[in-house]
Amino acid sequence: MSTTCSHLSEARIVQTDKDYCEDCVKSGQHWVHLRLCLTCGYVGCCDSSPNRHASRHYHETDHPLVRSIEPGERWIWCYADQVVAGEVAP
């Protein structure tokens, strides 16, 4: 496991207006917290949610970076390197 992220240069999308998990809405499920894929803009639920759509999206696409889109949170997680990769600028 790395202690640094080698994928930050791959971030393309850092903001969204979505405030829901796309796949939970489709299936009528509920989520706990939301994560934004910084490669394609997909919004999925966190690993504390029953369906873990953000992690599932990573495993299906290999898009390594997500950020929390919870109010007041700016951290970025790198699935590939398993580290907090940084923060989105305010």
C-alpha atoms as a PDB file:
ATOM      1  CA  MET A   1       0.000   0.000   0.000  1.00  0.00           C
ATOM      2  CA  SER A   2       1.268   3.448  -0.964  1.00  0.00           C
ATOM      3  CA  THR A   3       1.435   6.409   1.410  1.00  0.00           C
ATOM      4  CA  THR A   4       0.997   8.906  -1.416  1.00  0.00           C
ATOM      5  CA  CYS A   5      -1.347   9.173  -4.364  1.00  0.00           C
ATOM      6  CA  SER A   6      -0.019   8.927  -7.896  1.00  0.00           C
ATOM      7  CA  HIS A   7      -3.385   9.725  -9.507  1.00  0.00           C
ATOM      8  CA  LEU A   8      -4.200  13.332  -8.576  1.00  0.00           C
ATOM      9  CA  SER A   9      -3.369  14.528 -12.091  1.00  0.00           C
ATOM     10  CA  GLU A  10      -6.287  12.380 -13.335  1.00  0.00           C
ATOM     11  CA  ALA A  11      -8.927  14.504 -11.526  1.00  0.00           C
ATOM     12  CA  ARG A  12     -11.238  16.088 -14.107  1.00  0.00           C
ATOM     13  CA  ILE A  13     -14.473  16.881 -12.259  1.00  0.00           C
ATOM     14  CA  VAL A  14     -14.399  18.289  -8.726  1.00  0.00           C
ATOM     15  CA  GLN A  15     -17.914  19.749  -8.299  1.00  0.00           C
ATOM     16  CA  THR A  16     -21.481  18.558  -8.859  1.00  0.00           C
ATOM     17  CA  ASP A  17     -25.001  19.762  -8.281  1.00  0.00           C
ATOM     18  CA  LYS A  18     -26.215  16.210  -7.577  1.00  0.00           C
ATOM     19  CA  ASP A  19     -27.210  15.498  -3.995  1.00  0.00           C
ATOM     20  CA  TYR A  20     -28.209  11.860  -4.372  1.00  0.00           C
ATOM     21  CA  CYS A  21     -26.731   8.457  -5.173  1.00  0.00           C
ATOM     22  CA  GLU A  22     -27.636   7.760  -8.789  1.00  0.00           C
ATOM     23  CA  ASP A  23     -27.962   3.988  -8.385  1.00  0.00           C
ATOM     24  CA  CYS A  24     -29.780   4.144  -5.031  1.00  0.00           C
ATOM     25  CA  VAL A  25     -32.403   6.406  -6.618  1.00  0.00           C
ATOM     26  CA  LYS A  26     -32.824   3.930  -9.501  1.00  0.00           C
ATOM     27  CA  SER A  27     -33.331   1.026  -7.106  1.00  0.00           C
ATOM     28  CA  GLY A  28     -35.338   2.881  -4.453  1.00  0.00           C
ATOM     29  CA  GLN A  29     -32.620   2.404  -1.824  1.00  0.00           C
ATOM     30  CA  HIS A  30     -31.199   4.806   0.778  1.00  0.00           C
ATOM     31  CA  TRP A  31     -27.637   6.038   1.289  1.00  0.00           C
ATOM     32  CA  VAL A  32     -25.546   7.388   4.171  1.00  0.00           C
ATOM     33  CA  HIS A  33     -22.931   9.688   2.564  1.00  0.00           C
ATOM     34  CA  LEU A  34     -22.120  10.653  -1.018  1.00  0.00           C
ATOM     35  CA  ARG A  35     -18.921  10.459  -3.070  1.00  0.00           C
ATOM     36  CA  LEU A  36     -18.147  12.120  -6.413  1.00  0.00           C
ATOM     37  CA  CYS A  37     -15.966  10.324  -8.975  1.00  0.00           C
ATOM     38  CA  LEU A  38     -13.358  12.860 -10.066  1.00  0.00           C
ATOM     39  CA  THR A  39     -12.909  11.129 -13.424  1.00  0.00           C
ATOM     40  CA  CYS A  40     -16.470  11.034 -14.780  1.00  0.00           C
ATOM     41  CA  GLY A  41     -18.716  12.844 -12.295  1.00  0.00           C
ATOM     42  CA  TYR A  42     -20.649   9.770 -11.120  1.00  0.00           C
ATOM     43  CA  VAL A  43     -22.190  10.249  -7.657  1.00  0.00           C
ATOM     44  CA  GLY A  44     -22.399   7.125  -5.512  1.00  0.00           C
ATOM     45  CA  CYS A  45     -22.929   6.186  -1.898  1.00  0.00           C
ATOM     46  CA  CYS A  46     -20.127   5.528   0.596  1.00  0.00           C
ATOM     47  CA  ASP A  47     -18.997   2.223   2.089  1.00  0.00           C
ATOM     48  CA  SER A  48     -21.167   2.856   5.175  1.00  0.00           C
ATOM     49  CA  SER A  49     -24.193   2.659   2.864  1.00  0.00           C
ATOM     50  CA  PRO A  50     -25.754  -0.755   2.194  1.00  0.00           C
ATOM     51  CA  ASN A  51     -24.915  -0.791  -1.531  1.00  0.00           C
ATOM     52  CA  ARG A  52     -21.461   0.865  -1.561  1.00  0.00           C
ATOM     53  CA  HIS A  53     -22.035   2.255  -5.048  1.00  0.00           C
ATOM     54  CA  ALA A  54     -18.956   4.523  -5.052  1.00  0.00           C
ATOM     55  CA  SER A  55     -16.626   1.573  -4.376  1.00  0.00           C
ATOM     56  CA  ARG A  56     -18.523  -0.557  -6.869  1.00  0.00           C
ATOM     57  CA  HIS A  57     -18.047   2.189  -9.478  1.00  0.00           C
ATOM     58  CA  TYR A  58     -14.292   2.132  -8.851  1.00  0.00           C
ATOM     59  CA  HIS A  59     -14.116  -1.648  -9.265  1.00  0.00           C
ATOM     60  CA  GLU A  60     -16.127  -1.484 -12.495  1.00  0.00           C
ATOM     61  CA  THR A  61     -14.277   1.475 -14.060  1.00  0.00           C
ATOM     62  CA  ASP A  62     -10.860   1.782 -12.372  1.00  0.00           C
ATOM     63  CA  HIS A  63     -11.576   5.507 -11.829  1.00  0.00           C
ATOM     64  CA  PRO A  64      -9.276   5.951  -8.810  1.00  0.00           C
ATOM     65  CA  LEU A  65     -10.346   9.242  -7.194  1.00  0.00           C
ATOM     66  CA  VAL A  66     -13.468  10.265  -5.295  1.00  0.00           C
ATOM     67  CA  ARG A  67     -14.216  13.175  -3.058  1.00  0.00           C
ATOM     68  CA  SER A  68     -16.748  13.581  -0.330  1.00  0.00           C
ATOM     69  CA  ILE A  69     -19.585  15.865  -1.324  1.00  0.00           C
ATOM     70  CA  GLU A  70     -20.918  16.046   2.210  1.00  0.00           C
ATOM     71  CA  PRO A  71     -21.322  19.615   3.533  1.00  0.00           C
ATOM     72  CA  GLY A  72     -18.057  20.950   4.953  1.00  0.00           C
ATOM     73  CA  GLU A  73     -15.929  18.045   3.670  1.00  0.00           C
ATOM     74  CA  ARG A  74     -13.286  18.541   0.949  1.00  0.00           C
ATOM     75  CA  TRP A  75     -11.134  15.393   1.205  1.00  0.00           C
ATOM     76  CA  ILE A  76     -10.183  13.250  -1.787  1.00  0.00           C
ATOM     77  CA  TRP A  77      -9.753   9.466  -1.509  1.00  0.00           C
ATOM     78  CA  CYS A  78      -7.668   7.385  -3.893  1.00  0.00           C
ATOM     79  CA  TYR A  79      -9.004   3.834  -4.158  1.00  0.00           C
ATOM     80  CA  ALA A  80      -5.969   2.649  -6.130  1.00  0.00           C
ATOM     81  CA  ASP A  81      -3.417   3.830  -3.567  1.00  0.00           C
ATOM     82  CA  GLN A  82      -5.750   3.478  -0.545  1.00  0.00           C
ATOM     83  CA  VAL A  83      -4.879   6.933   0.836  1.00  0.00           C
ATOM     84  CA  VAL A  84      -6.422  10.315   1.451  1.00  0.00           C
ATOM     85  CA  ALA A  85      -4.955  12.017  -1.580  1.00  0.00           C
ATOM     86  CA  GLY A  86      -5.590  15.622  -0.603  1.00  0.00           C
ATOM     87  CA  GLU A  87      -8.400  18.180  -0.501  1.00  0.00           C
ATOM     88  CA  VAL A  88     -10.414  20.089  -3.056  1.00  0.00           C
ATOM     89  CA  ALA A  89      -9.602  23.794  -2.922  1.00  0.00           C
ATOM     90  CA  PRO A  90     -12.356  25.875  -1.303  1.00  0.00           C
END
